[in-house]
Amino acid sequence: KLKDTDCLAADNALKEIEKFVLSYPSGDTFDYERPDTLEFLRDFGKDLREQAELLRHFKNPRPAQDHSKRWRFQTDPKDEGLTAGWMKPELDTTTWPLLDADLWWQQQGYGSYHGVAWYRRQFRPPVSEPGDRIILYFGAVDGDATVFVNGKKVGEHLLGKNGDGWDKPFYFDITDYLKKDAVNLMAVRVLKNSAMSGIFK
């Protein structure tokens, strides 16, 4: 099993590669590609450190389900969804189009849309052992995201200055929001007023 120390060891190896790249003078092997190479190494290292923190936080984490496909999706240009209860399980969304959560919504037929949009998906809780915690993990949401399970808000992930955080993972412990041996509903409200938008990882 992957351990946090494995991630940190890989990060240290990347730092050694960075030193190697920087050891060459201007005009030599890495000069032309050096800025892109250094940016890649540093971004990858940051991702590894974040993964190490995740592994430290959770004991023996394992993927239980993949929810990257077939979400019900609806734009909300007047931002009426919160008031109308679009996060509630009893809402009938069978007429909402289906969208995947591994591409921006602009890549799936909503190229000119910006603003608020909603994702909804039903699921049954994964099989778990006593004492297990169920974590809802997002690879990235490009926009301010508010997450609901069975109609209740479990948390939010807000972008920082200049959109910082658009490509970063986040997660919530949803164990206490779940109905065992039943169909559950997760809903995500996303707000993005420019550029690419939506759940894409």
Protein backbone atom coordinates (compact mmCIF):
# COMPACT_ATOMS: atom_id res chain seq x y z
CA LYS A 1 0.00 0.00 0.00
CA LEU A 2 1.13 3.54 -0.74
CA LYS A 3 2.34 5.39 2.35
CA ASP A 4 2.84 9.07 3.07
CA THR A 5 6.58 8.38 3.31
CA ASP A 6 6.53 7.10 -0.29
CA CYS A 7 5.06 10.40 -1.47
CA LEU A 8 7.62 12.40 0.50
CA ALA A 9 10.46 10.27 -0.87
CA ALA A 10 9.21 10.94 -4.42
CA ASP A 11 9.01 14.66 -3.62
CA ASN A 12 12.63 14.60 -2.42
CA ALA A 13 13.65 12.87 -5.65
CA LEU A 14 11.94 15.66 -7.63
CA LYS A 15 13.93 18.25 -5.65
CA GLU A 16 17.14 16.46 -6.62
CA ILE A 17 16.07 16.58 -10.28
CA GLU A 18 15.35 20.30 -9.87
CA LYS A 19 18.88 20.84 -8.54
CA PHE A 20 20.21 18.90 -11.53
CA VAL A 21 18.25 21.10 -13.96
CA LEU A 22 19.46 24.27 -12.24
CA SER A 23 23.08 23.10 -12.29
CA TYR A 24 23.34 23.66 -16.03
CA PRO A 25 24.34 27.18 -17.18
CA SER A 26 22.21 29.31 -19.50
CA GLY A 27 22.38 28.12 -23.08
CA ASP A 28 23.01 24.52 -22.11
CA THR A 29 20.84 21.40 -22.14
CA PHE A 30 17.88 22.59 -20.08
CA ASP A 31 17.92 26.31 -20.92
CA TYR A 32 15.12 26.30 -23.54
CA GLU A 33 12.78 24.04 -21.55
CA ARG A 34 13.96 25.05 -18.09
CA PRO A 35 10.99 27.26 -17.01
CA ASP A 36 8.40 24.64 -18.02
CA THR A 37 10.44 21.82 -16.49
CA LEU A 38 10.84 23.62 -13.17
CA GLU A 39 7.15 24.52 -13.05
CA PHE A 40 6.20 20.90 -13.68
CA LEU A 41 8.58 19.59 -11.01
CA ARG A 42 7.36 22.07 -8.41
CA ASP A 43 3.67 21.49 -9.16
CA PHE A 44 4.15 17.72 -9.06
CA GLY A 45 6.01 18.02 -5.77
CA LYS A 46 3.19 20.08 -4.27
CA ASP A 47 0.68 17.44 -5.36
CA LEU A 48 2.81 14.72 -3.75
CA ARG A 49 2.95 16.64 -0.46
CA GLU A 50 -0.83 17.07 -0.52
CA GLN A 51 -1.22 13.33 -1.16
CA ALA A 52 1.11 12.59 1.75
CA GLU A 53 -1.06 14.74 4.02
CA LEU A 54 -4.14 12.83 2.87
CA LEU A 55 -2.49 9.49 3.60
CA ARG A 56 -1.42 10.71 7.04
CA HIS A 57 -4.93 11.91 7.83
CA PHE A 58 -6.76 8.71 6.88
CA LYS A 59 -5.79 5.21 8.00
CA ASN A 60 -5.49 2.79 5.09
CA PRO A 61 -7.53 4.85 2.58
CA ARG A 62 -8.95 2.98 -0.40
CA PRO A 63 -11.12 4.01 -3.34
CA ALA A 64 -14.61 2.61 -2.75
CA GLN A 65 -16.61 4.06 -5.66
CA ASP A 66 -16.03 6.15 -8.78
CA HIS A 67 -18.57 8.90 -9.41
CA SER A 68 -16.93 10.57 -12.39
CA LYS A 69 -19.74 9.73 -14.85
CA ARG A 70 -23.44 10.41 -15.43
CA TRP A 71 -24.45 13.27 -13.17
CA ARG A 72 -27.73 15.11 -13.66
CA PHE A 73 -26.82 18.68 -14.60
CA GLN A 74 -28.73 21.94 -14.80
CA THR A 75 -27.67 25.52 -15.30
CA ASP A 76 -29.11 28.04 -12.84
CA PRO A 77 -28.66 31.47 -14.48
CA LYS A 78 -31.01 33.22 -12.01
CA ASP A 79 -29.45 31.43 -9.00
CA GLU A 80 -32.79 30.03 -7.87
CA GLY A 81 -31.65 26.53 -6.99
CA LEU A 82 -30.93 27.12 -3.30
CA THR A 83 -34.35 28.63 -2.68
CA ALA A 84 -36.06 25.99 -4.83
CA GLY A 85 -34.36 23.13 -2.99
CA TRP A 86 -32.33 21.68 -5.84
CA MET A 87 -30.20 19.85 -3.27
CA LYS A 88 -33.16 17.87 -1.87
CA PRO A 89 -33.49 14.14 -2.64
CA GLU A 90 -37.21 14.38 -3.44
CA LEU A 91 -36.65 16.78 -6.34
CA ASP A 92 -37.45 15.08 -9.67
CA THR A 93 -34.51 15.66 -12.00
CA THR A 94 -35.20 12.92 -14.54
CA THR A 95 -35.47 15.57 -17.28
CA TRP A 96 -32.11 17.12 -16.44
CA PRO A 97 -29.39 16.30 -18.98
CA LEU A 98 -26.60 13.89 -18.07
CA LEU A 99 -23.07 15.23 -17.77
CA ASP A 100 -19.75 13.68 -16.77
CA ALA A 101 -17.67 15.03 -13.89
CA ASP A 102 -14.28 14.54 -15.52
CA LEU A 103 -14.62 17.37 -18.07
CA TRP A 104 -15.57 21.04 -17.76
CA TRP A 105 -19.18 21.77 -18.67
CA GLN A 106 -17.91 23.95 -21.56
CA GLN A 107 -16.58 20.75 -23.14
CA GLN A 108 -19.97 19.07 -22.89
CA GLY A 109 -22.30 21.40 -24.75
CA TYR A 110 -22.32 24.48 -22.50
CA GLY A 111 -19.50 26.39 -24.13
CA SER A 112 -20.84 29.89 -23.57
CA TYR A 113 -22.37 29.42 -20.13
CA HIS A 114 -21.00 31.01 -16.96
CA GLY A 115 -22.68 31.42 -13.61
CA VAL A 116 -24.31 28.90 -11.27
CA ALA A 117 -24.91 25.27 -12.22
CA TRP A 118 -25.93 22.15 -10.29
CA TYR A 119 -24.76 18.54 -10.37
CA ARG A 120 -26.79 15.72 -8.75
CA ARG A 121 -26.13 12.01 -8.47
CA GLN A 122 -27.75 9.12 -6.60
CA PHE A 123 -25.63 6.38 -5.03
CA ARG A 124 -25.66 3.63 -2.46
CA PRO A 125 -23.01 3.77 0.28
CA PRO A 126 -20.01 1.50 -0.27
CA VAL A 127 -19.58 -1.67 1.74
CA SER A 128 -17.58 -0.77 4.84
CA GLU A 129 -16.30 -2.20 8.09
CA PRO A 130 -17.29 -0.95 11.56
CA GLY A 131 -15.35 2.20 12.34
CA ASP A 132 -14.72 3.07 8.68
CA ARG A 133 -15.30 6.67 7.61
CA ILE A 134 -16.68 7.45 4.16
CA ILE A 135 -14.92 10.34 2.44
CA LEU A 136 -16.34 12.17 -0.57
CA TYR A 137 -13.24 13.17 -2.53
CA PHE A 138 -13.10 15.63 -5.44
CA GLY A 139 -10.06 15.75 -7.69
CA ALA A 140 -10.88 19.35 -8.60
CA VAL A 141 -13.82 21.69 -9.15
CA ASP A 142 -13.24 24.78 -11.26
CA GLY A 143 -15.44 27.22 -9.36
CA ASP A 144 -16.85 27.81 -5.90
CA ALA A 145 -18.40 24.49 -4.87
CA THR A 146 -21.02 23.83 -2.20
CA VAL A 147 -21.62 20.14 -1.49
CA PHE A 148 -24.81 18.58 -0.13
CA VAL A 149 -25.64 14.99 0.85
CA ASN A 150 -29.30 14.06 1.27
CA GLY A 151 -30.22 17.73 1.27
CA LYS A 152 -27.79 18.76 3.99
CA LYS A 153 -24.75 20.94 3.40
CA VAL A 154 -21.55 19.07 4.20
CA GLY A 155 -19.05 21.74 3.17
CA GLU A 156 -17.76 24.08 0.53
CA HIS A 157 -14.60 24.72 -1.42
CA LEU A 158 -14.13 28.36 -2.40
CA LEU A 159 -11.56 29.58 -4.89
CA GLY A 160 -8.97 32.02 -3.66
CA LYS A 161 -7.55 35.15 -5.17
CA ASN A 162 -7.06 34.89 -8.94
CA GLY A 163 -8.95 31.59 -8.91
CA ASP A 164 -6.39 29.74 -6.80
CA GLY A 165 -7.58 26.24 -5.93
CA TRP A 166 -9.34 25.58 -9.24
CA ASP A 167 -7.18 22.49 -9.84
CA LYS A 168 -6.73 21.22 -6.28
CA PRO A 169 -8.40 18.25 -4.55
CA PHE A 170 -10.66 18.58 -1.53
CA TYR A 171 -12.80 16.19 0.47
CA PHE A 172 -15.47 15.87 3.15
CA ASP A 173 -16.30 13.17 5.68
CA ILE A 174 -19.91 12.27 4.81
CA THR A 175 -20.28 9.22 7.05
CA ASP A 176 -22.83 10.81 9.37
CA TYR A 177 -24.92 12.15 6.47
CA LEU A 178 -25.51 8.77 4.84
CA LYS A 179 -28.51 6.47 4.97
CA LYS A 180 -27.29 2.89 5.20
CA ASP A 181 -28.63 0.32 2.74
CA ALA A 182 -30.56 3.02 0.88
CA VAL A 183 -30.26 5.32 -2.10
CA ASN A 184 -28.51 8.57 -1.17
CA LEU A 185 -28.25 11.83 -3.07
CA MET A 186 -25.25 14.10 -3.47
CA ALA A 187 -25.63 17.53 -5.03
CA VAL A 188 -23.00 20.12 -5.89
CA ARG A 189 -23.69 23.79 -6.60
CA VAL A 190 -20.90 25.37 -8.65
CA LEU A 191 -20.41 29.08 -9.31
CA LYS A 192 -17.92 30.27 -11.94
CA ASN A 193 -18.23 33.52 -13.86
CA SER A 194 -15.33 33.18 -16.30
CA ALA A 195 -13.10 30.72 -18.14
CA MET A 196 -13.60 26.96 -17.75
CA SER A 197 -16.10 25.73 -15.18
CA GLY A 198 -17.45 22.76 -13.24
CA ILE A 199 -16.40 19.46 -11.72
CA PHE A 200 -13.61 18.18 -13.94
CA LYS A 201 -11.66 15.75 -11.73
